[in-house]
Amino acid sequence: MPIIACFEGRLAADPELTHTPNTGTSVCEAVVLVNHRTKQETDIGEQWIDGEPTRYYLKAWRRRAEALGSMSKGSSVVVVGHVETESWTDGEGKRHWRDTVVVDHLGETVRAAVAA
C-alpha cells in the first residue's frame, strides 16, 4: 500500500524539466519547502514563529511534469502524490537513499496573489 503525501509549500529552486532519451517522455524534478509554524509566547504576547522548513523532493511525469516545469522558484504549490524511495551509488561506492514524492496531483496556489 503506497504512502500518500499531501502538502502546500514553495518551490526552493526552478524545477528541472527533461525528457527521457528513448521515448521523449517529460519528467520534472523539483524541491518544495514546507514551513511549520508554531505559536509561542514572547515578551509582547503570543506570536506565530516559523520553524525549520521540511524539504520534499518531487518527481513528475508527462503533463504534470510540463505543468511543474512551467513554474519558477518561489511559486506556491499544493502537491498530492505517493512516496517512492530512490537509491543510488556514488562515485566512491557509497549507497544513498532518498524518499521522493511522485506527483499525482499538482496545483499552483493563489493565496499569495490574493493577499497582495
PDB file of N, CA and C in Angstrom:
ATOM      1  N   MET A   1       0.848  -1.171   0.000  1.00  0.00           N
ATOM      2  CA  MET A   1       0.000   0.000   0.000  1.00  0.00           C
ATOM      3  C   MET A   1       0.897   1.239   0.000  1.00  0.00           C
ATOM      4  N   PRO A   2       0.679   2.165  -0.917  1.00  0.00           N
ATOM      5  CA  PRO A   2       1.568   3.329  -1.011  1.00  0.00           C
ATOM      6  C   PRO A   2       1.342   4.328   0.122  1.00  0.00           C
ATOM      7  N   ILE A   3       2.388   5.066   0.435  1.00  0.00           N
ATOM      8  CA  ILE A   3       2.287   6.174   1.384  1.00  0.00           C
ATOM      9  C   ILE A   3       1.894   7.407   0.582  1.00  0.00           C
ATOM     10  N   ILE A   4       0.802   8.057   0.977  1.00  0.00           N
ATOM     11  CA  ILE A   4       0.306   9.238   0.275  1.00  0.00           C
ATOM     12  C   ILE A   4       0.766  10.485   1.014  1.00  0.00           C
ATOM     13  N   ALA A   5       1.250  11.466   0.259  1.00  0.00           N
ATOM     14  CA  ALA A   5       1.679  12.745   0.831  1.00  0.00           C
ATOM     15  C   ALA A   5       0.818  13.855   0.245  1.00  0.00           C
ATOM     16  N   CYS A   6       0.427  14.798   1.091  1.00  0.00           N
ATOM     17  CA  CYS A   6      -0.350  15.961   0.658  1.00  0.00           C
ATOM     18  C   CYS A   6       0.180  17.168   1.427  1.00  0.00           C
ATOM     19  N   PHE A   7       0.627  18.197   0.719  1.00  0.00           N
ATOM     20  CA  PHE A   7       1.195  19.361   1.393  1.00  0.00           C
ATOM     21  C   PHE A   7       1.168  20.586   0.484  1.00  0.00           C
ATOM     22  N   GLU A   8       1.340  21.750   1.117  1.00  0.00           N
ATOM     23  CA  GLU A   8       1.458  23.024   0.413  1.00  0.00           C
ATOM     24  C   GLU A   8       2.800  23.626   0.792  1.00  0.00           C
ATOM     25  N   GLY A   9       3.512  24.164  -0.184  1.00  0.00           N
ATOM     26  CA  GLY A   9       4.804  24.778   0.092  1.00  0.00           C
ATOM     27  C   GLY A   9       5.249  25.635  -1.075  1.00  0.00           C
ATOM     28  N   ARG A  10       6.508  26.019  -1.047  1.00  0.00           N
ATOM     29  CA  ARG A  10       7.079  26.861  -2.104  1.00  0.00           C
ATOM     30  C   ARG A  10       8.255  26.152  -2.759  1.00  0.00           C
ATOM     31  N   LEU A  11       8.380  26.355  -4.081  1.00  0.00           N
ATOM     32  CA  LEU A  11       9.496  25.766  -4.805  1.00  0.00           C
ATOM     33  C   LEU A  11      10.800  26.412  -4.343  1.00  0.00           C
ATOM     34  N   ALA A  12      11.775  25.586  -3.969  1.00  0.00           N
ATOM     35  CA  ALA A  12      13.055  26.076  -3.462  1.00  0.00           C
ATOM     36  C   ALA A  12      13.962  26.579  -4.582  1.00  0.00           C
ATOM     37  N   ALA A  13      13.735  26.111  -5.798  1.00  0.00           N
ATOM     38  CA  ALA A  13      14.530  26.500  -6.968  1.00  0.00           C
ATOM     39  C   ALA A  13      13.670  26.253  -8.202  1.00  0.00           C
ATOM     40  N   ASP A  14      14.124  26.728  -9.349  1.00  0.00           N
ATOM     41  CA  ASP A  14      13.398  26.440 -10.583  1.00  0.00           C
ATOM     42  C   ASP A  14      13.399  24.931 -10.820  1.00  0.00           C
ATOM     43  N   PRO A  15      12.254  24.350 -11.181  1.00  0.00           N
ATOM     44  CA  PRO A  15      12.195  22.914 -11.475  1.00  0.00           C
ATOM     45  C   PRO A  15      13.066  22.564 -12.682  1.00  0.00           C
ATOM     46  N   GLU A  16      13.532  21.320 -12.730  1.00  0.00           N
ATOM     47  CA  GLU A  16      14.369  20.842 -13.831  1.00  0.00           C
ATOM     48  C   GLU A  16      13.552  19.908 -14.720  1.00  0.00           C
ATOM     49  N   LEU A  17      13.134  20.418 -15.878  1.00  0.00           N
ATOM     50  CA  LEU A  17      12.339  19.648 -16.833  1.00  0.00           C
ATOM     51  C   LEU A  17      13.269  19.024 -17.864  1.00  0.00           C
ATOM     52  N   THR A  18      13.184  17.695 -18.012  1.00  0.00           N
ATOM     53  CA  THR A  18      13.969  16.980 -19.017  1.00  0.00           C
ATOM     54  C   THR A  18      13.045  16.001 -19.732  1.00  0.00           C
ATOM     55  N   HIS A  19      13.619  15.255 -20.660  1.00  0.00           N
ATOM     56  CA  HIS A  19      12.861  14.239 -21.395  1.00  0.00           C
ATOM     57  C   HIS A  19      13.687  12.960 -21.428  1.00  0.00           C
ATOM     58  N   THR A  20      13.005  11.822 -21.320  1.00  0.00           N
ATOM     59  CA  THR A  20      13.719  10.547 -21.356  1.00  0.00           C
ATOM     60  C   THR A  20      14.331  10.359 -22.738  1.00  0.00           C
ATOM     61  N   PRO A  21      15.521   9.744 -22.814  1.00  0.00           N
ATOM     62  CA  PRO A  21      16.215   9.641 -24.100  1.00  0.00           C
ATOM     63  C   PRO A  21      15.503   8.776 -25.143  1.00  0.00           C
ATOM     64  N   ASN A  22      14.912   7.670 -24.741  1.00  0.00           N
ATOM     65  CA  ASN A  22      14.329   6.747 -25.723  1.00  0.00           C
ATOM     66  C   ASN A  22      12.955   7.169 -26.215  1.00  0.00           C
ATOM     67  N   THR A  23      12.094   7.624 -25.298  1.00  0.00           N
ATOM     68  CA  THR A  23      10.706   7.916 -25.681  1.00  0.00           C
ATOM     69  C   THR A  23      10.379   9.400 -25.705  1.00  0.00           C
ATOM     70  N   GLY A  24      11.241  10.223 -25.130  1.00  0.00           N
ATOM     71  CA  GLY A  24      10.967  11.657 -25.082  1.00  0.00           C
ATOM     72  C   GLY A  24       9.919  12.046 -24.058  1.00  0.00           C
ATOM     73  N   THR A  25       9.609  11.139 -23.129  1.00  0.00           N
ATOM     74  CA  THR A  25       8.613  11.418 -22.092  1.00  0.00           C
ATOM     75  C   THR A  25       9.115  12.528 -21.172  1.00  0.00           C
ATOM     76  N   SER A  26       8.248  13.492 -20.876  1.00  0.00           N
ATOM     77  CA  SER A  26       8.604  14.599 -19.984  1.00  0.00           C
ATOM     78  C   SER A  26       8.729  14.103 -18.551  1.00  0.00           C
ATOM     79  N   VAL A  27       9.791  14.546 -17.881  1.00  0.00           N
ATOM     80  CA  VAL A  27       9.981  14.264 -16.460  1.00  0.00           C
ATOM     81  C   VAL A  27      10.555  15.528 -15.823  1.00  0.00           C
ATOM     82  N   CYS A  28      10.044  15.873 -14.661  1.00  0.00           N
ATOM     83  CA  CYS A  28      10.475  17.097 -13.994  1.00  0.00           C
ATOM     84  C   CYS A  28      10.774  16.801 -12.532  1.00  0.00           C
ATOM     85  N   GLU A  29      11.888  17.341 -12.046  1.00  0.00           N
ATOM     86  CA  GLU A  29      12.252  17.194 -10.641  1.00  0.00           C
ATOM     87  C   GLU A  29      12.312  18.571  -9.999  1.00  0.00           C
ATOM     88  N   ALA A  30      11.897  18.633  -8.736  1.00  0.00           N
ATOM     89  CA  ALA A  30      11.879  19.903  -8.012  1.00  0.00           C
ATOM     90  C   ALA A  30      11.965  19.630  -6.518  1.00  0.00           C
ATOM     91  N   VAL A  31      12.225  20.690  -5.764  1.00  0.00           N
ATOM     92  CA  VAL A  31      12.245  20.626  -4.304  1.00  0.00           C
ATOM     93  C   VAL A  31      11.243  21.640  -3.782  1.00  0.00           C
ATOM     94  N   VAL A  32      10.386  21.188  -2.863  1.00  0.00           N
ATOM     95  CA  VAL A  32       9.408  22.071  -2.220  1.00  0.00           C
ATOM     96  C   VAL A  32       9.758  22.182  -0.742  1.00  0.00           C
ATOM     97  N   LEU A  33       9.738  23.405  -0.234  1.00  0.00           N
ATOM     98  CA  LEU A  33       9.960  23.653   1.190  1.00  0.00           C
ATOM     99  C   LEU A  33       8.628  23.956   1.850  1.00  0.00           C
ATOM    100  N   VAL A  34       8.363  23.277   2.965  1.00  0.00           N
ATOM    101  CA  VAL A  34       7.122  23.472   3.715  1.00  0.00           C
ATOM    102  C   VAL A  34       7.490  24.033   5.083  1.00  0.00           C
ATOM    103  N   ASN A  35       6.983  25.223   5.387  1.00  0.00           N
ATOM    104  CA  ASN A  35       7.246  25.849   6.690  1.00  0.00           C
ATOM    105  C   ASN A  35       6.276  25.320   7.729  1.00  0.00           C
ATOM    106  N   HIS A  36       6.785  25.121   8.923  1.00  0.00           N
ATOM    107  CA  HIS A  36       5.957  24.698  10.052  1.00  0.00           C
ATOM    108  C   HIS A  36       5.911  25.855  11.035  1.00  0.00           C
ATOM    109  N   ARG A  37       4.715  26.352  11.302  1.00  0.00           N
ATOM    110  CA  ARG A  37       4.550  27.499  12.189  1.00  0.00           C
ATOM    111  C   ARG A  37       4.008  27.027  13.532  1.00  0.00           C
ATOM    112  N   THR A  38       4.530  27.622  14.594  1.00  0.00           N
ATOM    113  CA  THR A  38       4.046  27.326  15.935  1.00  0.00           C
ATOM    114  C   THR A  38       3.786  28.635  16.659  1.00  0.00           C
ATOM    115  N   LYS A  39       2.836  28.587  17.557  1.00  0.00           N
ATOM    116  CA  LYS A  39       2.527  29.765  18.360  1.00  0.00           C
ATOM    117  C   LYS A  39       3.396  29.720  19.608  1.00  0.00           C
ATOM    118  N   GLN A  40       4.108  30.828  19.857  1.00  0.00           N
ATOM    119  CA  GLN A  40       4.990  30.881  21.021  1.00  0.00           C
ATOM    120  C   GLN A  40       4.729  32.154  21.810  1.00  0.00           C
ATOM    121  N   GLU A  41       4.909  32.024  23.100  1.00  0.00           N
ATOM    122  CA  GLU A  41       4.764  33.179  23.996  1.00  0.00           C
ATOM    123  C   GLU A  41       6.047  34.011  23.921  1.00  0.00           C
ATOM    124  N   THR A  42       5.905  35.317  23.684  1.00  0.00           N
ATOM    125  CA  THR A  42       7.054  36.224  23.636  1.00  0.00           C
ATOM    126  C   THR A  42       6.815  37.382  24.602  1.00  0.00           C
ATOM    127  N   ASP A  43       7.765  38.321  24.673  1.00  0.00           N
ATOM    128  CA  ASP A  43       7.627  39.485  25.564  1.00  0.00           C
ATOM    129  C   ASP A  43       6.394  40.316  25.216  1.00  0.00           C
ATOM    130  N   ILE A  44       6.001  40.267  23.937  1.00  0.00           N
ATOM    131  CA  ILE A  44       4.863  41.090  23.500  1.00  0.00           C
ATOM    132  C   ILE A  44       3.602  40.260  23.274  1.00  0.00           C
ATOM    133  N   GLY A  45       3.544  39.082  23.856  1.00  0.00           N
ATOM    134  CA  GLY A  45       2.372  38.215  23.713  1.00  0.00           C
ATOM    135  C   GLY A  45       2.654  37.036  22.799  1.00  0.00           C
ATOM    136  N   GLU A  46       1.583  36.326  22.440  1.00  0.00           N
ATOM    137  CA  GLU A  46       1.732  35.161  21.563  1.00  0.00           C
ATOM    138  C   GLU A  46       2.010  35.615  20.135  1.00  0.00           C
ATOM    139  N   GLN A  47       2.934  34.907  19.477  1.00  0.00           N
ATOM    140  CA  GLN A  47       3.252  35.190  18.082  1.00  0.00           C
ATOM    141  C   GLN A  47       3.473  33.881  17.343  1.00  0.00           C
ATOM    142  N   TRP A  48       3.182  33.908  16.039  1.00  0.00           N
ATOM    143  CA  TRP A  48       3.463  32.758  15.195  1.00  0.00           C
ATOM    144  C   TRP A  48       4.922  32.829  14.774  1.00  0.00           C
ATOM    145  N   ILE A  49       5.638  31.732  14.962  1.00  0.00           N
ATOM    146  CA  ILE A  49       7.062  31.651  14.648  1.00  0.00           C
ATOM    147  C   ILE A  49       7.266  30.567  13.589  1.00  0.00           C
ATOM    148  N   ASP A  50       8.064  30.884  12.550  1.00  0.00           N
ATOM    149  CA  ASP A  50       8.404  29.888  11.536  1.00  0.00           C
ATOM    150  C   ASP A  50       9.468  28.951  12.079  1.00  0.00           C
ATOM    151  N   GLY A  51       9.212  27.651  11.964  1.00  0.00           N
ATOM    152  CA  GLY A  51      10.196  26.651  12.352  1.00  0.00           C
ATOM    153  C   GLY A  51      11.088  26.315  11.167  1.00  0.00           C
ATOM    154  N   GLU A  52      11.911  25.318  11.337  1.00  0.00           N
ATOM    155  CA  GLU A  52      12.787  24.854  10.263  1.00  0.00           C
ATOM    156  C   GLU A  52      11.925  24.208   9.176  1.00  0.00           C
ATOM    157  N   PRO A  53      12.095  24.590   7.897  1.00  0.00           N
ATOM    158  CA  PRO A  53      11.252  24.004   6.846  1.00  0.00           C
ATOM    159  C   PRO A  53      11.608  22.542   6.569  1.00  0.00           C
ATOM    160  N   THR A  54      10.608  21.791   6.126  1.00  0.00           N
ATOM    161  CA  THR A  54      10.814  20.416   5.678  1.00  0.00           C
ATOM    162  C   THR A  54      10.998  20.439   4.169  1.00  0.00           C
ATOM    163  N   ARG A  55      11.970  19.678   3.689  1.00  0.00           N
ATOM    164  CA  ARG A  55      12.304  19.634   2.261  1.00  0.00           C
ATOM    165  C   ARG A  55      11.699  18.366   1.657  1.00  0.00           C
ATOM    166  N   TYR A  56      10.901  18.542   0.600  1.00  0.00           N
ATOM    167  CA  TYR A  56      10.323  17.411  -0.128  1.00  0.00           C
ATOM    168  C   TYR A  56      10.871  17.406  -1.549  1.00  0.00           C
ATOM    169  N   TYR A  57      11.355  16.249  -1.975  1.00  0.00           N
ATOM    170  CA  TYR A  57      11.837  16.077  -3.341  1.00  0.00           C
ATOM    171  C   TYR A  57      10.680  15.568  -4.185  1.00  0.00           C
ATOM    172  N   LEU A  58      10.443  16.214  -5.336  1.00  0.00           N
ATOM    173  CA  LEU A  58       9.331  15.844  -6.213  1.00  0.00           C
ATOM    174  C   LEU A  58       9.840  15.278  -7.523  1.00  0.00           C
ATOM    175  N   LYS A  59       9.044  14.372  -8.092  1.00  0.00           N
ATOM    176  CA  LYS A  59       9.258  13.908  -9.461  1.00  0.00           C
ATOM    177  C   LYS A  59       7.888  13.839 -10.121  1.00  0.00           C
ATOM    178  N   ALA A  60       7.772  14.471 -11.283  1.00  0.00           N
ATOM    179  CA  ALA A  60       6.502  14.477 -12.016  1.00  0.00           C
ATOM    180  C   ALA A  60       6.746  13.974 -13.435  1.00  0.00           C
ATOM    181  N   TRP A  61       5.736  13.332 -14.000  1.00  0.00           N
ATOM    182  CA  TRP A  61       5.829  12.758 -15.341  1.00  0.00           C
ATOM    183  C   TRP A  61       4.754  13.342 -16.253  1.00  0.00           C
ATOM    184  N   ARG A  62       5.045  13.377 -17.547  1.00  0.00           N
ATOM    185  CA  ARG A  62       4.122  13.755 -18.618  1.00  0.00           C
ATOM    186  C   ARG A  62       3.492  15.136 -18.388  1.00  0.00           C
ATOM    187  N   ARG A  63       2.161  15.238 -18.426  1.00  0.00           N
ATOM    188  CA  ARG A  63       1.504  16.554 -18.308  1.00  0.00           C
ATOM    189  C   ARG A  63       1.814  17.235 -16.983  1.00  0.00           C
ATOM    190  N   ARG A  64       1.887  16.469 -15.921  1.00  0.00           N
ATOM    191  CA  ARG A  64       2.225  17.071 -14.622  1.00  0.00           C
ATOM    192  C   ARG A  64       3.662  17.595 -14.636  1.00  0.00           C
ATOM    193  N   ALA A  65       4.553  16.917 -15.361  1.00  0.00           N
ATOM    194  CA  ALA A  65       5.935  17.395 -15.496  1.00  0.00           C
ATOM    195  C   ALA A  65       5.965  18.726 -16.240  1.00  0.00           C
ATOM    196  N   GLU A  66       5.190  18.837 -17.300  1.00  0.00           N
ATOM    197  CA  GLU A  66       5.139  20.090 -18.067  1.00  0.00           C
ATOM    198  C   GLU A  66       4.586  21.220 -17.207  1.00  0.00           C
ATOM    199  N   ALA A  67       3.546  20.918 -16.413  1.00  0.00           N
ATOM    200  CA  ALA A  67       2.953  21.943 -15.543  1.00  0.00           C
ATOM    201  C   ALA A  67       3.954  22.389 -14.479  1.00  0.00           C
ATOM    202  N   LEU A  68       4.613  21.434 -13.837  1.00  0.00           N
ATOM    203  CA  LEU A  68       5.598  21.770 -12.812  1.00  0.00           C
ATOM    204  C   LEU A  68       6.768  22.537 -13.425  1.00  0.00           C
ATOM    205  N   GLY A  69       7.194  22.120 -14.604  1.00  0.00           N
ATOM    206  CA  GLY A  69       8.316  22.773 -15.278  1.00  0.00           C
ATOM    207  C   GLY A  69       8.038  24.207 -15.674  1.00  0.00           C
ATOM    208  N   SER A  70       6.762  24.571 -15.787  1.00  0.00           N
ATOM    209  CA  SER A  70       6.409  25.948 -16.161  1.00  0.00           C
ATOM    210  C   SER A  70       6.433  26.890 -14.958  1.00  0.00           C
ATOM    211  N   MET A  71       6.580  26.349 -13.759  1.00  0.00           N
ATOM    212  CA  MET A  71       6.612  27.170 -12.547  1.00  0.00           C
ATOM    213  C   MET A  71       8.045  27.609 -12.260  1.00  0.00           C
ATOM    214  N   SER A  72       8.204  28.512 -11.314  1.00  0.00           N
ATOM    215  CA  SER A  72       9.539  29.021 -11.008  1.00  0.00           C
ATOM    216  C   SER A  72       9.770  29.067  -9.502  1.00  0.00           C
ATOM    217  N   LYS A  73      11.017  29.300  -9.135  1.00  0.00           N
ATOM    218  CA  LYS A  73      11.411  29.392  -7.730  1.00  0.00           C
ATOM    219  C   LYS A  73      10.474  30.342  -6.992  1.00  0.00           C
ATOM    220  N   GLY A  74      10.005  29.903  -5.823  1.00  0.00           N
ATOM    221  CA  GLY A  74       9.118  30.729  -5.006  1.00  0.00           C
ATOM    222  C   GLY A  74       7.643  30.500  -5.256  1.00  0.00           C
ATOM    223  N   SER A  75       7.292  29.796  -6.343  1.00  0.00           N
ATOM    224  CA  SER A  75       5.879  29.516  -6.618  1.00  0.00           C
ATOM    225  C   SER A  75       5.290  28.707  -5.473  1.00  0.00           C
ATOM    226  N   SER A  76       4.071  29.047  -5.089  1.00  0.00           N
ATOM    227  CA  SER A  76       3.370  28.324  -4.032  1.00  0.00           C
ATOM    228  C   SER A  76       2.560  27.209  -4.675  1.00  0.00           C
ATOM    229  N   VAL A  77       2.770  25.967  -4.218  1.00  0.00           N
ATOM    230  CA  VAL A  77       2.132  24.813  -4.840  1.00  0.00           C
ATOM    231  C   VAL A  77       1.457  23.922  -3.808  1.00  0.00           C
ATOM    232  N   VAL A  78       0.435  23.208  -4.269  1.00  0.00           N
ATOM    233  CA  VAL A  78      -0.198  22.148  -3.495  1.00  0.00           C
ATOM    234  C   VAL A  78       0.106  20.850  -4.230  1.00  0.00           C
ATOM    235  N   VAL A  79       0.589  19.856  -3.487  1.00  0.00           N
ATOM    236  CA  VAL A  79       1.010  18.592  -4.082  1.00  0.00           C
ATOM    237  C   VAL A  79       0.304  17.437  -3.388  1.00  0.00           C
ATOM    238  N   VAL A  80      -0.189  16.491  -4.185  1.00  0.00           N
ATOM    239  CA  VAL A  80      -0.651  15.202  -3.678  1.00  0.00           C
ATOM    240  C   VAL A  80       0.108  14.159  -4.488  1.00  0.00           C
ATOM    241  N   GLY A  81       0.726  13.216  -3.794  1.00  0.00           N
ATOM    242  CA  GLY A  81       1.484  12.204  -4.504  1.00  0.00           C
ATOM    243  C   GLY A  81       1.759  11.002  -3.620  1.00  0.00           C
ATOM    244  N   HIS A  82       2.466  10.043  -4.188  1.00  0.00           N
ATOM    245  CA  HIS A  82       2.844   8.859  -3.419  1.00  0.00           C
ATOM    246  C   HIS A  82       4.365   8.827  -3.273  1.00  0.00           C
ATOM    247  N   VAL A  83       4.812   8.271  -2.155  1.00  0.00           N
ATOM    248  CA  VAL A  83       6.230   8.284  -1.811  1.00  0.00           C
ATOM    249  C   VAL A  83       6.913   7.033  -2.352  1.00  0.00           C
ATOM    250  N   GLU A  84       8.031   7.256  -3.039  1.00  0.00           N
ATOM    251  CA  GLU A  84       8.885   6.163  -3.502  1.00  0.00           C
ATOM    252  C   GLU A  84      10.297   6.437  -3.005  1.00  0.00           C
ATOM    253  N   THR A  85      11.020   5.391  -2.644  1.00  0.00           N
ATOM    254  CA  THR A  85      12.400   5.541  -2.202  1.00  0.00           C
ATOM    255  C   THR A  85      13.329   5.291  -3.379  1.00  0.00           C
ATOM    256  N   GLU A  86      14.166   6.278  -3.679  1.00  0.00           N
ATOM    257  CA  GLU A  86      15.161   6.147  -4.742  1.00  0.00           C
ATOM    258  C   GLU A  86      16.493   5.784  -4.101  1.00  0.00           C
ATOM    259  N   SER A  87      17.301   4.998  -4.797  1.00  0.00           N
ATOM    260  CA  SER A  87      18.628   4.659  -4.281  1.00  0.00           C
ATOM    261  C   SER A  87      19.645   4.771  -5.409  1.00  0.00           C
ATOM    262  N   TRP A  88      20.884   5.081  -5.033  1.00  0.00           N
ATOM    263  CA  TRP A  88      21.959   5.178  -5.996  1.00  0.00           C
ATOM    264  C   TRP A  88      23.288   4.970  -5.285  1.00  0.00           C
ATOM    265  N   THR A  89      24.305   4.684  -6.076  1.00  0.00           N
ATOM    266  CA  THR A  89      25.658   4.526  -5.562  1.00  0.00           C
ATOM    267  C   THR A  89      26.504   5.662  -6.110  1.00  0.00           C
ATOM    268  N   ASP A  90      27.208   6.371  -5.221  1.00  0.00           N
ATOM    269  CA  ASP A  90      28.025   7.497  -5.676  1.00  0.00           C
ATOM    270  C   ASP A  90      29.363   7.000  -6.227  1.00  0.00           C
ATOM    271  N   GLY A  91      30.189   7.923  -6.662  1.00  0.00           N
ATOM    272  CA  GLY A  91      31.471   7.595  -7.274  1.00  0.00           C
ATOM    273  C   GLY A  91      32.435   6.879  -6.348  1.00  0.00           C
ATOM    274  N   GLU A  92      32.217   6.993  -5.036  1.00  0.00           N
ATOM    275  CA  GLU A  92      33.079   6.321  -4.067  1.00  0.00           C
ATOM    276  C   GLU A  92      32.508   4.977  -3.622  1.00  0.00           C
ATOM    277  N   GLY A  93      31.415   4.542  -4.261  1.00  0.00           N
ATOM    278  CA  GLY A  93      30.819   3.252  -3.935  1.00  0.00           C
ATOM    279  C   GLY A  93      29.864   3.274  -2.756  1.00  0.00           C
ATOM    280  N   LYS A  94      29.549   4.450  -2.248  1.00  0.00           N
ATOM    281  CA  LYS A  94      28.647   4.566  -1.098  1.00  0.00           C
ATOM    282  C   LYS A  94      27.193   4.613  -1.570  1.00  0.00           C
ATOM    283  N   ARG A  95      26.332   3.824  -0.894  1.00  0.00           N
ATOM    284  CA  ARG A  95      24.900   3.787  -1.233  1.00  0.00           C
ATOM    285  C   ARG A  95      24.172   4.946  -0.564  1.00  0.00           C
ATOM    286  N   HIS A  96      23.219   5.522  -1.292  1.00  0.00           N
ATOM    287  CA  HIS A  96      22.388   6.613  -0.778  1.00  0.00           C
ATOM    288  C   HIS A  96      20.928   6.275  -1.043  1.00  0.00           C
ATOM    289  N   TRP A  97      20.045   6.771  -0.179  1.00  0.00           N
ATOM    290  CA  TRP A  97      18.607   6.603  -0.342  1.00  0.00           C
ATOM    291  C   TRP A  97      17.934   7.944  -0.116  1.00  0.00           C
ATOM    292  N   ARG A  98      16.836   8.169  -0.826  1.00  0.00           N
ATOM    293  CA  ARG A  98      16.075   9.401  -0.642  1.00  0.00           C
ATOM    294  C   ARG A  98      14.617   9.121  -0.977  1.00  0.00           C
ATOM    295  N   ASP A  99      13.729   9.578  -0.097  1.00  0.00           N
ATOM    296  CA  ASP A  99      12.300   9.485  -0.385  1.00  0.00           C
ATOM    297  C   ASP A  99      11.916  10.614  -1.330  1.00  0.00           C
ATOM    298  N   THR A 100      11.183  10.265  -2.378  1.00  0.00           N
ATOM    299  CA  THR A 100      10.728  11.223  -3.378  1.00  0.00           C
ATOM    300  C   THR A 100       9.215  11.114  -3.494  1.00  0.00           C
ATOM    301  N   VAL A 101       8.552  12.256  -3.596  1.00  0.00           N
ATOM    302  CA  VAL A 101       7.103  12.272  -3.801  1.00  0.00           C
ATOM    303  C   VAL A 101       6.846  12.306  -5.305  1.00  0.00           C
ATOM    304  N   VAL A 102       6.247  11.238  -5.824  1.00  0.00           N
ATOM    305  CA  VAL A 102       5.860  11.187  -7.232  1.00  0.00           C
ATOM    306  C   VAL A 102       4.505  11.874  -7.338  1.00  0.00           C
ATOM    307  N   VAL A 103       4.450  12.943  -8.118  1.00  0.00           N
ATOM    308  CA  VAL A 103       3.280  13.819  -8.167  1.00  0.00           C
ATOM    309  C   VAL A 103       2.112  13.139  -8.875  1.00  0.00           C
ATOM    310  N   ASP A 104       0.980  13.046  -8.167  1.00  0.00           N
ATOM    311  CA  ASP A 104      -0.268  12.567  -8.759  1.00  0.00           C
ATOM    312  C   ASP A 104      -1.195  13.738  -9.085  1.00  0.00           C
ATOM    313  N   HIS A 105      -1.185  14.763  -8.237  1.00  0.00           N
ATOM    314  CA  HIS A 105      -1.993  15.974  -8.438  1.00  0.00           C
ATOM    315  C   HIS A 105      -1.137  17.171  -8.056  1.00  0.00           C
ATOM    316  N   LEU A 106      -1.269  18.255  -8.827  1.00  0.00           N
ATOM    317  CA  LEU A 106      -0.438  19.431  -8.619  1.00  0.00           C
ATOM    318  C   LEU A 106      -1.244  20.675  -8.931  1.00  0.00           C
ATOM    319  N   GLY A 107      -1.108  21.687  -8.090  1.00  0.00           N
ATOM    320  CA  GLY A 107      -1.772  22.954  -8.363  1.00  0.00           C
ATOM    321  C   GLY A 107      -0.950  24.107  -7.833  1.00  0.00           C
ATOM    322  N   GLU A 108      -1.017  25.226  -8.530  1.00  0.00           N
ATOM    323  CA  GLU A 108      -0.361  26.442  -8.049  1.00  0.00           C
ATOM    324  C   GLU A 108      -1.377  27.194  -7.216  1.00  0.00           C
ATOM    325  N   THR A 109      -1.008  27.584  -6.005  1.00  0.00           N
ATOM    326  CA  THR A 109      -1.957  28.269  -5.132  1.00  0.00           C
ATOM    327  C   THR A 109      -1.969  29.757  -5.447  1.00  0.00           C
ATOM    328  N   VAL A 110      -3.109  30.372  -5.166  1.00  0.00           N
ATOM    329  CA  VAL A 110      -3.261  31.797  -5.468  1.00  0.00           C
ATOM    330  C   VAL A 110      -3.359  32.631  -4.202  1.00  0.00           C
ATOM    331  N   ARG A 111      -3.210  32.022  -3.055  1.00  0.00           N
ATOM    332  CA  ARG A 111      -3.353  32.732  -1.788  1.00  0.00           C
ATOM    333  C   ARG A 111      -2.421  33.937  -1.717  1.00  0.00           C
ATOM    334  N   ALA A 112      -1.164  33.776  -2.127  1.00  0.00           N
ATOM    335  CA  ALA A 112      -0.203  34.876  -2.054  1.00  0.00           C
ATOM    336  C   ALA A 112      -0.623  36.021  -2.974  1.00  0.00           C
ATOM    337  N   ALA A 113      -1.126  35.696  -4.149  1.00  0.00           N
ATOM    338  CA  ALA A 113      -1.535  36.732  -5.096  1.00  0.00           C
ATOM    339  C   ALA A 113      -2.777  37.461  -4.609  1.00  0.00           C
ATOM    340  N   VAL A 114      -3.699  36.748  -3.984  1.00  0.00           N
ATOM    341  CA  VAL A 114      -4.939  37.354  -3.500  1.00  0.00           C
ATOM    342  C   VAL A 114      -4.648  38.300  -2.345  1.00  0.00           C
ATOM    343  N   ALA A 115      -3.679  37.949  -1.501  1.00  0.00           N
ATOM    344  CA  ALA A 115      -3.367  38.766  -0.328  1.00  0.00           C
ATOM    345  C   ALA A 115      -2.696  40.083  -0.706  1.00  0.00           C
ATOM    346  N   ALA A 116      -2.109  40.154  -1.878  1.00  0.00           N
ATOM    347  CA  ALA A 116      -1.376  41.365  -2.278  1.00  0.00           C
ATOM    348  C   ALA A 116      -2.301  42.512  -2.617  1.00  0.00           C
TER     349      ALA A 116
END
